[in-house]
C-alpha atoms as a PDB file:
ATOM      1  CA  GLY A   1      93.206  65.787 -35.398  1.00  0.00           C
ATOM      2  CA  ASP A   2      95.406  67.495 -37.868  1.00  0.00           C
ATOM      3  CA  LEU A   3      93.499  66.250 -40.877  1.00  0.00           C
ATOM      4  CA  GLY A   4      90.177  67.724 -39.213  1.00  0.00           C
ATOM      5  CA  MET A   5      91.962  71.054 -38.636  1.00  0.00           C
ATOM      6  CA  ARG A   6      93.155  71.139 -42.278  1.00  0.00           C
ATOM      7  CA  LYS A   7      89.506  70.658 -43.376  1.00  0.00           C
ATOM      8  CA  PHE A   8      88.435  73.369 -41.044  1.00  0.00           C
ATOM      9  CA  VAL A   9      90.842  75.814 -42.427  1.00  0.00           C
ATOM     10  CA  PHE A  10      90.025  74.708 -46.042  1.00  0.00           C
ATOM     11  CA  LEU A  11      86.299  75.034 -45.499  1.00  0.00           C
ATOM     12  CA  ALA A  12      86.651  78.452 -43.649  1.00  0.00           C
ATOM     13  CA  SER A  13      88.788  79.811 -46.543  1.00  0.00           C
ATOM     14  CA  ILE A  14      86.319  78.677 -49.075  1.00  0.00           C
ATOM     15  CA  ALA A  15      83.549  80.461 -47.136  1.00  0.00           C
ATOM     16  CA  VAL A  16      85.546  83.691 -46.771  1.00  0.00           C
ATOM     17  CA  THR A  17      86.635  83.574 -50.513  1.00  0.00           C
ATOM     18  CA  ALA A  18      82.911  83.224 -51.658  1.00  0.00           C
ATOM     19  CA  SER A  19      81.918  86.128 -49.502  1.00  0.00           C
ATOM     20  CA  SER A  20      84.438  88.482 -51.011  1.00  0.00           C
ATOM     21  CA  GLN A  21      83.887  87.959 -54.732  1.00  0.00           C
ATOM     22  CA  ALA A  22      84.159  91.118 -56.939  1.00  0.00           C
ATOM     23  CA  SER A  23      80.934  92.864 -57.060  1.00  0.00           C
ATOM     24  CA  ILE A  24      79.361  96.294 -56.243  1.00  0.00           C
ATOM     25  CA  ILE A  25      80.846  97.209 -52.926  1.00  0.00           C
ATOM     26  CA  TRP A  26      79.452 100.702 -52.534  1.00  0.00           C
ATOM     27  CA  ASN A  27      76.137 101.495 -53.951  1.00  0.00           C
ATOM     28  CA  TYR A  28      74.719 105.002 -54.329  1.00  0.00           C
ATOM     29  CA  GLY A  29      73.314 104.123 -57.651  1.00  0.00           C
ATOM     30  CA  PRO A  30      70.151 105.219 -59.259  1.00  0.00           C
ATOM     31  CA  SER A  31      68.076 102.661 -57.496  1.00  0.00           C
ATOM     32  CA  THR A  32      69.057 103.809 -54.095  1.00  0.00           C
ATOM     33  CA  GLY A  33      67.065 107.030 -53.942  1.00  0.00           C
ATOM     34  CA  THR A  34      65.443 109.969 -55.877  1.00  0.00           C
ATOM     35  CA  MET A  35      67.637 111.630 -58.318  1.00  0.00           C
ATOM     36  CA  THR A  36      68.020 115.338 -57.588  1.00  0.00           C
ATOM     37  CA  SER A  37      66.887 118.274 -59.744  1.00  0.00           C
ATOM     38  CA  ALA A  38      70.067 119.030 -61.640  1.00  0.00           C
ATOM     39  CA  PHE A  39      73.454 117.741 -62.881  1.00  0.00           C
ATOM     40  CA  TRP A  40      76.592 119.047 -61.425  1.00  0.00           C
ATOM     41  CA  SER A  41      79.668 119.575 -63.569  1.00  0.00           C
ATOM     42  CA  ASN A  42      82.838 117.777 -62.570  1.00  0.00           C
ATOM     43  CA  SER A  43      86.135 119.207 -63.813  1.00  0.00           C
ATOM     44  CA  SER A  44      89.565 118.754 -62.602  1.00  0.00           C
ATOM     45  CA  THR A  45      90.283 122.387 -62.868  1.00  0.00           C
ATOM     46  CA  GLY A  46      86.869 123.661 -61.770  1.00  0.00           C
ATOM     47  CA  GLN A  47      84.063 122.412 -59.732  1.00  0.00           C
ATOM     48  CA  ARG A  48      84.380 118.877 -58.423  1.00  0.00           C
ATOM     49  CA  PHE A  49      82.835 116.670 -55.766  1.00  0.00           C
ATOM     50  CA  THR A  50      83.824 113.953 -53.399  1.00  0.00           C
ATOM     51  CA  GLU A  51      81.780 111.589 -51.113  1.00  0.00           C
ATOM     52  CA  ARG A  52      82.670 109.714 -47.956  1.00  0.00           C
ATOM     53  CA  VAL A  53      83.100 105.990 -47.980  1.00  0.00           C
ATOM     54  CA  MET A  54      83.957 103.480 -45.202  1.00  0.00           C
ATOM     55  CA  PHE A  55      84.253  99.687 -44.988  1.00  0.00           C
ATOM     56  CA  ALA A  56      84.311  98.044 -41.559  1.00  0.00           C
ATOM     57  CA  GLY A  57      86.465  95.173 -42.569  1.00  0.00           C
ATOM     58  CA  GLY A  58      88.357  96.822 -45.378  1.00  0.00           C
ATOM     59  CA  ALA A  59      87.928  96.484 -49.213  1.00  0.00           C
ATOM     60  CA  THR A  60      89.723  96.672 -52.500  1.00  0.00           C
ATOM     61  CA  ALA A  61      88.000  98.711 -55.250  1.00  0.00           C
ATOM     62  CA  ASN A  62      88.686  98.273 -58.976  1.00  0.00           C
ATOM     63  CA  MET A  63      85.994 100.278 -60.646  1.00  0.00           C
ATOM     64  CA  PHE A  64      84.498 103.770 -60.079  1.00  0.00           C
ATOM     65  CA  ARG A  65      81.101 104.060 -61.827  1.00  0.00           C
ATOM     66  CA  SER A  66      79.750 107.654 -61.995  1.00  0.00           C
ATOM     67  CA  TYR A  67      76.251 108.504 -62.979  1.00  0.00           C
ATOM     68  CA  GLY A  68      75.373 111.809 -64.795  1.00  0.00           C
ATOM     69  CA  GLY A  69      73.786 113.617 -67.643  1.00  0.00           C
ATOM     70  CA  GLY A  70      76.368 113.038 -70.296  1.00  0.00           C
ATOM     71  CA  GLY A  71      79.805 114.304 -71.081  1.00  0.00           C
ATOM     72  CA  GLY A  72      81.487 110.962 -70.662  1.00  0.00           C
ATOM     73  CA  THR A  73      83.585 109.619 -73.483  1.00  0.00           C
ATOM     74  CA  VAL A  74      85.301 106.289 -73.871  1.00  0.00           C
ATOM     75  CA  GLY A  75      89.024 106.891 -73.819  1.00  0.00           C
ATOM     76  CA  GLY A  76      88.485 110.233 -72.172  1.00  0.00           C
ATOM     77  CA  ILE A  77      90.769 110.934 -69.248  1.00  0.00           C
ATOM     78  CA  TYR A  78      89.286 111.295 -65.722  1.00  0.00           C
ATOM     79  CA  ASN A  79      91.042 112.261 -62.545  1.00  0.00           C
ATOM     80  CA  VAL A  80      90.264 109.941 -59.632  1.00  0.00           C
ATOM     81  CA  ARG A  81      91.072 111.271 -56.146  1.00  0.00           C
ATOM     82  CA  ILE A  82      90.884 109.647 -52.782  1.00  0.00           C
ATOM     83  CA  TYR A  83      91.418 111.562 -49.517  1.00  0.00           C
ATOM     84  CA  SER A  84      91.812 110.386 -46.090  1.00  0.00           C
ATOM     85  CA  ASP A  85      89.248 111.844 -43.556  1.00  0.00           C
ATOM     86  CA  THR A  86      90.317 114.622 -40.999  1.00  0.00           C
ATOM     87  CA  GLY A  87      87.672 115.822 -38.586  1.00  0.00           C
ATOM     88  CA  GLY A  88      84.798 114.825 -40.868  1.00  0.00           C
ATOM     89  CA  THR A  89      86.110 116.402 -44.067  1.00  0.00           C
ATOM     90  CA  PRO A  90      88.688 115.446 -46.732  1.00  0.00           C
ATOM     91  CA  GLY A  91      92.147 115.538 -45.415  1.00  0.00           C
ATOM     92  CA  THR A  92      95.341 114.043 -47.053  1.00  0.00           C
ATOM     93  CA  LEU A  93      95.387 113.196 -50.698  1.00  0.00           C
ATOM     94  CA  VAL A  94      96.155 109.558 -50.761  1.00  0.00           C
ATOM     95  CA  PHE A  95      95.335 108.687 -54.405  1.00  0.00           C
ATOM     96  CA  ASP A  96      95.528 110.825 -57.363  1.00  0.00           C
ATOM     97  CA  ASN A  97      95.600 109.357 -60.907  1.00  0.00           C
ATOM     98  CA  ASN A  98      94.520 110.227 -64.418  1.00  0.00           C
ATOM     99  CA  ILE A  99      92.644 107.206 -65.981  1.00  0.00           C
ATOM    100  CA  ALA A 100      91.150 106.484 -69.219  1.00  0.00           C
ATOM    101  CA  CYS A 101      87.258 105.706 -69.302  1.00  0.00           C
ATOM    102  CA  THR A 102      86.450 102.248 -70.519  1.00  0.00           C
ATOM    103  CA  SER A 103      82.737 102.456 -70.960  1.00  0.00           C
ATOM    104  CA  VAL A 104      79.834 104.931 -71.317  1.00  0.00           C
ATOM    105  CA  THR A 105      76.245 103.542 -71.011  1.00  0.00           C
ATOM    106  CA  ASN A 106      73.202 105.238 -72.013  1.00  0.00           C
ATOM    107  CA  LEU A 107      70.657 104.282 -69.382  1.00  0.00           C
ATOM    108  CA  GLY A 108      67.704 106.111 -71.018  1.00  0.00           C
ATOM    109  CA  SER A 109      65.185 108.187 -69.235  1.00  0.00           C
ATOM    110  CA  VAL A 110      64.921 108.093 -65.413  1.00  0.00           C
ATOM    111  CA  PRO A 111      62.622 109.678 -63.030  1.00  0.00           C
ATOM    112  CA  ASN A 112      63.689 113.179 -61.823  1.00  0.00           C
ATOM    113  CA  ASN A 113      62.069 115.513 -59.429  1.00  0.00           C
ATOM    114  CA  LEU A 114      61.680 118.396 -61.669  1.00  0.00           C
ATOM    115  CA  PRO A 115      59.512 118.910 -64.842  1.00  0.00           C
ATOM    116  CA  PRO A 116      59.428 117.320 -67.445  1.00  0.00           C
ATOM    117  CA  GLY A 117      59.900 114.409 -64.911  1.00  0.00           C
ATOM    118  CA  THR A 118      62.650 112.510 -66.511  1.00  0.00           C
ATOM    119  CA  GLN A 119      66.372 112.857 -67.475  1.00  0.00           C
ATOM    120  CA  ILE A 120      68.637 110.917 -69.723  1.00  0.00           C
ATOM    121  CA  LEU A 121      71.267 109.274 -67.409  1.00  0.00           C
ATOM    122  CA  PHE A 122      74.710 107.868 -68.479  1.00  0.00           C
ATOM    123  CA  ALA A 123      77.041 105.455 -66.492  1.00  0.00           C
ATOM    124  CA  VAL A 124      80.659 106.320 -66.941  1.00  0.00           C
ATOM    125  CA  GLU A 125      83.135 103.488 -65.839  1.00  0.00           C
ATOM    126  CA  ILE A 126      86.648 104.392 -64.787  1.00  0.00           C
ATOM    127  CA  PRO A 127      88.976 101.524 -63.652  1.00  0.00           C
ATOM    128  CA  PHE A 128      91.313 102.085 -60.764  1.00  0.00           C
ATOM    129  CA  THR A 129      92.750  99.994 -57.891  1.00  0.00           C
ATOM    130  CA  PHE A 130      92.820 101.216 -54.263  1.00  0.00           C
ATOM    131  CA  THR A 131      92.768  99.284 -51.057  1.00  0.00           C
ATOM    132  CA  PHE A 132      90.583 100.966 -48.162  1.00  0.00           C
ATOM    133  CA  SER A 133      91.707 100.101 -44.684  1.00  0.00           C
ATOM    134  CA  ALA A 134      89.358  98.464 -42.226  1.00  0.00           C
ATOM    135  CA  GLY A 135      87.145 101.149 -40.404  1.00  0.00           C
ATOM    136  CA  ALA A 136      88.736 104.127 -41.936  1.00  0.00           C
ATOM    137  CA  THR A 137      86.741 106.871 -43.609  1.00  0.00           C
ATOM    138  CA  TYR A 138      87.749 108.144 -47.108  1.00  0.00           C
ATOM    139  CA  TRP A 139      86.551 110.746 -49.425  1.00  0.00           C
ATOM    140  CA  ILE A 140      86.398 109.751 -53.195  1.00  0.00           C
ATOM    141  CA  GLY A 141      85.482 111.508 -56.476  1.00  0.00           C
ATOM    142  CA  ALA A 142      86.252 111.685 -60.184  1.00  0.00           C
ATOM    143  CA  ALA A 143      86.444 114.596 -62.425  1.00  0.00           C
ATOM    144  CA  GLY A 144      86.966 114.961 -66.214  1.00  0.00           C
ATOM    145  CA  VAL A 145      90.465 116.155 -67.390  1.00  0.00           C
ATOM    146  CA  GLY A 146      90.925 118.203 -70.634  1.00  0.00           C
ATOM    147  CA  SER A 147      88.584 119.411 -73.259  1.00  0.00           C
ATOM    148  CA  GLY A 148      85.533 117.102 -73.886  1.00  0.00           C
ATOM    149  CA  ALA A 149      86.102 114.954 -70.814  1.00  0.00           C
ATOM    150  CA  SER A 150      84.325 116.807 -68.156  1.00  0.00           C
ATOM    151  CA  PHE A 151      80.973 115.022 -67.130  1.00  0.00           C
ATOM    152  CA  ASN A 152      77.879 116.159 -65.289  1.00  0.00           C
ATOM    153  CA  GLN A 153      77.463 114.257 -62.001  1.00  0.00           C
ATOM    154  CA  ALA A 154      74.018 113.202 -60.789  1.00  0.00           C
ATOM    155  CA  GLY A 155      72.974 113.613 -57.257  1.00  0.00           C
ATOM    156  CA  VAL A 156      70.733 111.128 -55.301  1.00  0.00           C
ATOM    157  CA  GLN A 157      68.645 111.478 -52.170  1.00  0.00           C
ATOM    158  CA  ALA A 158      69.289 109.944 -49.782  1.00  0.00           C
ATOM    159  CA  PRO A 159      71.330 106.918 -49.198  1.00  0.00           C
ATOM    160  CA  GLY A 160      73.838 108.978 -47.192  1.00  0.00           C
ATOM    161  CA  ASP A 161      73.492 112.498 -45.659  1.00  0.00           C
ATOM    162  CA  SER A 162      72.308 114.024 -48.822  1.00  0.00           C
ATOM    163  CA  SER A 163      75.407 116.229 -49.457  1.00  0.00           C
ATOM    164  CA  MET A 164      78.809 116.069 -51.112  1.00  0.00           C
ATOM    165  CA  TYR A 165      82.054 117.935 -50.267  1.00  0.00           C
ATOM    166  CA  GLN A 166      82.875 120.363 -53.034  1.00  0.00           C
ATOM    167  CA  PHE A 167      86.289 121.522 -54.320  1.00  0.00           C
ATOM    168  CA  SER A 168      87.350 124.044 -56.820  1.00  0.00           C
ATOM    169  CA  GLY A 169      90.175 122.660 -58.548  1.00  0.00           C
ATOM    170  CA  ASN A 170      92.416 121.644 -55.615  1.00  0.00           C
ATOM    171  CA  THR A 171      90.728 124.078 -53.146  1.00  0.00           C
ATOM    172  CA  PRO A 172      88.355 122.849 -50.624  1.00  0.00           C
ATOM    173  CA  GLN A 173      84.999 124.715 -50.602  1.00  0.00           C
ATOM    174  CA  GLY A 174      82.801 122.991 -48.070  1.00  0.00           C
ATOM    175  CA  PHE A 175      79.584 120.855 -48.008  1.00  0.00           C
ATOM    176  CA  THR A 176      76.974 121.258 -50.539  1.00  0.00           C
ATOM    177  CA  GLY A 177      73.344 121.902 -49.500  1.00  0.00           C
ATOM    178  CA  GLN A 178      71.122 118.918 -48.980  1.00  0.00           C
ATOM    179  CA  ALA A 179      69.229 119.654 -52.224  1.00  0.00           C
ATOM    180  CA  VAL A 180      72.338 118.616 -54.092  1.00  0.00           C
ATOM    181  CA  GLY A 181      72.102 115.118 -52.669  1.00  0.00           C
ATOM    182  CA  ASP A 182      74.676 112.482 -52.453  1.00  0.00           C
ATOM    183  CA  GLN A 183      77.166 111.739 -55.406  1.00  0.00           C
ATOM    184  CA  MET A 184      75.429 109.163 -57.644  1.00  0.00           C
ATOM    185  CA  PHE A 185      78.221 106.413 -58.031  1.00  0.00           C
ATOM    186  CA  GLN A 186      79.137 102.895 -57.338  1.00  0.00           C
ATOM    187  CA  LEU A 187      82.369 101.142 -56.528  1.00  0.00           C
ATOM    188  CA  ASP A 188      83.181  97.628 -57.721  1.00  0.00           C
ATOM    189  CA  GLY A 189      85.747  95.420 -55.886  1.00  0.00           C
ATOM    190  CA  GLU A 190      85.921  92.966 -53.092  1.00  0.00           C
ATOM    191  CA  ILE A 191      85.076  93.536 -49.400  1.00  0.00           C
ATOM    192  CA  VAL A 192      86.979  91.969 -46.745  1.00  0.00           C
ATOM    193  CA  PRO A 193      84.620  90.312 -44.219  1.00  0.00           C
ATOM    194  CA  GLU A 194      84.721  91.733 -40.649  1.00  0.00           C
ATOM    195  CA  PRO A 195      86.462  89.604 -38.091  1.00  0.00           C
ATOM    196  CA  ALA A 196      83.169  88.621 -36.460  1.00  0.00           C
ATOM    197  CA  THR A 197      82.024  87.403 -39.898  1.00  0.00           C
ATOM    198  CA  MET A 198      85.064  85.400 -40.589  1.00  0.00           C
ATOM    199  CA  LEU A 199      84.760  83.785 -37.193  1.00  0.00           C
ATOM    200  CA  ALA A 200      81.086  82.897 -37.816  1.00  0.00           C
ATOM    201  CA  LEU A 201      82.038  81.369 -41.235  1.00  0.00           C
ATOM    202  CA  GLY A 202      84.833  79.431 -39.477  1.00  0.00           C
ATOM    203  CA  LEU A 203      82.585  78.096 -36.724  1.00  0.00           C
ATOM    204  CA  GLY A 204      80.129  77.105 -39.356  1.00  0.00           C
ATOM    205  CA  GLY A 205      82.891  75.139 -41.120  1.00  0.00           C
ATOM    206  CA  LEU A 206      83.989  73.493 -37.748  1.00  0.00           C
ATOM    207  CA  ALA A 207      80.370  72.550 -37.055  1.00  0.00           C
ATOM    208  CA  LEU A 208      79.949  70.966 -40.441  1.00  0.00           C
ATOM    209  CA  ILE A 209      83.166  68.827 -39.728  1.00  0.00           C
ATOM    210  CA  LYS A 210      81.681  67.763 -36.395  1.00  0.00           C
ATOM    211  CA  ARG A 211      78.285  66.792 -38.134  1.00  0.00           C
ATOM    212  CA  ARG A 212      80.246  64.786 -40.824  1.00  0.00           C
ATOM    213  CA  ARG A 213      82.174  62.920 -38.038  1.00  0.00           C
ATOM    214  CA  LYS A 214      78.931  62.036 -36.134  1.00  0.00           C
ATOM    215  CA  ALA A 215      77.515  60.709 -39.394  1.00  0.00           C
END
Protein backbone atom coordinates (compact mmCIF):
# COMPACT_ATOMS: atom_id res chain seq x y z
CA GLY A 1 0.00 0.00 0.00
CA ASP A 2 0.90 3.67 0.17
CA LEU A 3 2.58 3.25 3.56
CA GLY A 4 4.71 0.41 2.24
CA MET A 5 5.78 2.50 -0.74
CA ARG A 6 6.74 5.39 1.51
CA LYS A 7 8.84 2.99 3.58
CA PHE A 8 10.44 1.68 0.41
CA VAL A 9 11.35 5.16 -0.79
CA PHE A 10 12.63 6.11 2.67
CA LEU A 11 14.82 3.02 2.99
CA ALA A 12 16.15 3.40 -0.54
CA SER A 13 17.02 7.06 0.11
CA ILE A 14 18.88 6.08 3.29
CA ALA A 15 20.86 3.46 1.37
CA VAL A 16 21.77 5.88 -1.43
CA THR A 17 22.73 8.60 1.04
CA ALA A 18 24.93 6.19 3.00
CA SER A 19 26.71 5.16 -0.20
CA SER A 20 27.54 8.75 -1.20
CA GLN A 21 29.08 10.20 1.97
CA ALA A 22 32.02 12.57 1.49
CA SER A 23 35.26 10.61 1.16
CA ILE A 24 38.16 10.04 -1.25
CA ILE A 25 36.43 9.63 -4.60
CA TRP A 26 39.53 9.51 -6.84
CA ASN A 27 42.69 7.92 -5.53
CA TYR A 28 46.06 8.20 -7.22
CA GLY A 29 47.65 8.61 -3.80
CA PRO A 30 50.98 7.29 -2.48
CA SER A 31 49.56 3.84 -1.69
CA THR A 32 48.34 3.18 -5.25
CA GLY A 33 51.71 2.52 -6.88
CA THR A 34 55.46 3.21 -6.90
CA MET A 35 56.52 6.84 -6.77
CA THR A 36 58.50 7.83 -9.85
CA SER A 37 62.07 9.04 -9.88
CA ALA A 38 61.59 12.80 -9.76
CA PHE A 39 59.28 15.66 -8.83
CA TRP A 40 57.77 17.84 -11.56
CA SER A 41 57.34 21.58 -11.07
CA ASN A 42 53.77 22.89 -11.42
CA SER A 43 53.48 26.61 -12.15
CA SER A 44 50.53 28.54 -13.60
CA THR A 45 52.86 30.36 -16.00
CA GLY A 46 55.22 27.49 -16.77
CA GLN A 47 55.17 23.71 -16.75
CA ARG A 48 51.92 22.23 -15.44
CA PHE A 49 50.11 18.91 -15.67
CA THR A 50 46.60 17.46 -15.84
CA GLU A 51 45.25 13.96 -15.29
CA ARG A 52 42.07 12.39 -16.67
CA VAL A 53 39.19 11.39 -14.38
CA MET A 54 35.76 9.86 -15.01
CA PHE A 55 32.86 8.91 -12.74
CA ALA A 56 30.30 6.50 -14.18
CA GLY A 57 27.44 7.86 -12.07
CA GLY A 58 28.76 11.40 -11.67
CA ALA A 59 30.34 13.03 -8.61
CA THR A 60 30.83 16.29 -6.74
CA ALA A 61 34.39 17.02 -5.60
CA ASN A 62 35.30 19.43 -2.80
CA MET A 63 39.04 18.90 -2.25
CA PHE A 64 42.10 18.52 -4.49
CA ARG A 65 44.97 16.87 -2.59
CA SER A 66 48.28 17.00 -4.43
CA TYR A 67 51.36 15.05 -3.39
CA GLY A 68 54.85 16.35 -4.09
CA GLY A 69 58.29 17.24 -2.88
CA GLY A 70 57.57 20.54 -1.20
CA GLY A 71 56.84 24.10 -2.26
CA GLY A 72 53.31 24.05 -0.86
CA THR A 73 52.38 26.86 1.53
CA VAL A 74 49.24 27.35 3.62
CA GLY A 75 47.51 30.42 2.26
CA GLY A 76 49.44 30.16 -0.99
CA ILE A 77 47.32 30.56 -4.11
CA TYR A 78 46.89 27.64 -6.49
CA ASN A 79 45.19 27.58 -9.86
CA VAL A 80 42.84 24.60 -10.25
CA ARG A 81 41.82 23.84 -13.82
CA ILE A 82 39.42 21.28 -15.25
CA TYR A 83 39.01 20.60 -18.95
CA SER A 84 36.42 18.57 -20.78
CA ASP A 85 37.78 15.76 -22.96
CA THR A 86 38.11 16.10 -26.72
CA GLY A 87 39.36 13.03 -28.54
CA GLY A 88 41.34 11.74 -25.56
CA THR A 89 43.05 15.06 -24.74
CA PRO A 90 42.09 18.19 -22.75
CA GLY A 91 39.50 20.23 -24.66
CA THR A 92 37.33 23.08 -23.35
CA LEU A 93 38.36 24.75 -20.09
CA VAL A 94 35.30 24.33 -17.81
CA PHE A 95 36.76 25.33 -14.41
CA ASP A 96 39.54 27.85 -13.78
CA ASN A 97 39.85 29.25 -10.24
CA ASN A 98 42.66 30.59 -8.05
CA ILE A 99 42.23 29.11 -4.57
CA ALA A 100 44.11 29.38 -1.26
CA CYS A 101 45.73 26.22 0.10
CA THR A 102 44.29 25.22 3.49
CA SER A 103 46.74 22.51 4.61
CA VAL A 104 50.27 21.25 3.96
CA THR A 105 51.24 17.97 5.64
CA ASN A 106 54.76 16.55 5.81
CA LEU A 107 54.34 12.80 5.29
CA GLY A 108 58.01 12.07 5.94
CA SER A 109 60.19 9.70 3.94
CA VAL A 110 58.50 7.48 1.38
CA PRO A 111 59.99 4.83 -0.95
CA ASN A 112 61.33 6.08 -4.28
CA ASN A 113 62.84 4.13 -7.16
CA LEU A 114 66.09 6.10 -7.31
CA PRO A 115 68.96 6.24 -4.78
CA PRO A 116 68.97 7.06 -1.92
CA GLY A 117 65.67 5.18 -2.04
CA THR A 118 63.44 7.64 -0.21
CA GLN A 119 62.04 11.14 -0.69
CA ILE A 120 60.24 13.53 1.66
CA LEU A 121 56.63 13.78 0.50
CA PHE A 122 54.12 16.56 1.24
CA ALA A 123 50.33 16.60 0.85
CA VAL A 124 48.92 19.96 -0.29
CA GLU A 125 45.14 20.44 0.13
CA ILE A 126 43.20 22.89 -2.07
CA PRO A 127 39.42 23.17 -1.49
CA PHE A 128 37.17 23.64 -4.52
CA THR A 129 33.72 22.54 -5.70
CA PHE A 130 32.94 20.97 -9.07
CA THR A 131 30.29 18.53 -10.25
CA PHE A 132 31.43 15.88 -12.75
CA SER A 133 28.74 14.70 -15.15
CA ALA A 134 28.02 10.97 -15.25
CA GLY A 135 30.20 9.05 -17.69
CA ALA A 136 32.08 12.13 -18.96
CA THR A 137 35.88 12.30 -19.04
CA TYR A 138 37.62 15.36 -17.61
CA TRP A 139 41.21 16.51 -17.14
CA ILE A 140 42.20 18.11 -13.81
CA GLY A 141 45.32 19.69 -12.37
CA ALA A 142 46.56 22.38 -10.00
CA ALA A 143 49.51 24.74 -10.25
CA GLY A 144 51.08 27.33 -7.99
CA VAL A 145 50.37 31.01 -8.67
CA GLY A 146 52.95 33.68 -7.91
CA SER A 147 56.24 33.62 -6.06
CA GLY A 148 56.65 30.87 -3.48
CA ALA A 149 53.44 29.03 -4.36
CA SER A 150 54.72 26.69 -7.07
CA PHE A 151 54.97 23.12 -5.87
CA ASN A 152 56.72 19.98 -7.07
CA GLN A 153 54.26 17.32 -8.28
CA ALA A 154 55.02 13.65 -7.58
CA GLY A 155 54.33 10.96 -10.14
CA VAL A 156 53.05 7.47 -9.37
CA GLN A 157 53.15 4.24 -11.39
CA ALA A 158 50.77 2.95 -12.33
CA PRO A 159 47.15 3.29 -11.20
CA GLY A 160 46.30 4.74 -14.64
CA ASP A 161 48.24 4.86 -17.91
CA SER A 162 51.47 6.12 -16.27
CA SER A 163 51.42 9.47 -18.08
CA MET A 164 50.08 12.99 -17.62
CA TYR A 165 49.08 15.66 -20.12
CA GLN A 166 51.50 18.57 -19.99
CA PHE A 167 50.94 22.29 -20.58
CA SER A 168 53.32 25.22 -20.80
CA GLY A 169 51.23 27.92 -19.19
CA ASN A 170 48.07 27.79 -21.30
CA THR A 171 49.65 26.00 -24.26
CA PRO A 172 49.11 22.22 -24.65
CA GLN A 173 52.35 20.27 -25.02
CA GLY A 174 51.18 16.65 -25.20
CA PHE A 175 51.51 13.51 -23.13
CA THR A 176 54.48 12.91 -20.88
CA GLY A 177 56.52 9.74 -21.19
CA GLN A 178 55.52 6.80 -19.03
CA ALA A 179 58.60 7.25 -16.85
CA VAL A 180 56.87 10.36 -15.45
CA GLY A 181 53.93 8.31 -14.19
CA ASP A 182 50.42 9.46 -13.33
CA GLN A 183 49.82 12.62 -11.32
CA MET A 184 49.90 11.69 -7.62
CA PHE A 185 46.72 13.22 -6.23
CA GLN A 186 43.36 12.51 -4.62
CA LEU A 187 39.91 14.07 -4.87
CA ASP A 188 37.53 14.20 -1.91
CA GLY A 189 33.79 14.53 -2.35
CA GLU A 190 30.69 12.44 -3.01
CA ILE A 191 30.09 9.91 -5.77
CA VAL A 192 26.61 9.53 -7.22
CA PRO A 193 25.79 5.80 -7.38
CA GLU A 194 25.28 4.39 -10.85
CA PRO A 195 21.62 3.68 -11.81
CA ALA A 196 22.16 -0.08 -11.48
CA THR A 197 23.54 0.43 -7.98
CA MET A 198 20.59 2.60 -6.94
CA LEU A 199 18.19 0.00 -8.35
CA ALA A 200 19.91 -2.74 -6.37
CA LEU A 201 19.71 -0.64 -3.20
CA GLY A 202 16.03 0.04 -3.83
CA LEU A 203 15.28 -3.62 -4.43
CA GLY A 204 17.11 -4.45 -1.23
CA GLY A 205 14.89 -2.02 0.65
CA LEU A 206 11.78 -3.52 -0.95
CA ALA A 207 12.88 -7.03 0.00
CA LEU A 208 13.38 -5.87 3.59
CA ILE A 209 9.82 -4.50 3.67
CA LYS A 210 8.46 -7.81 2.36
CA ARG A 211 10.39 -9.80 4.98
CA ARG A 212 9.00 -7.57 7.72
CA ARG A 213 5.46 -8.04 6.46
CA LYS A 214 5.85 -11.82 6.48
CA ALA A 215 7.17 -11.66 10.01
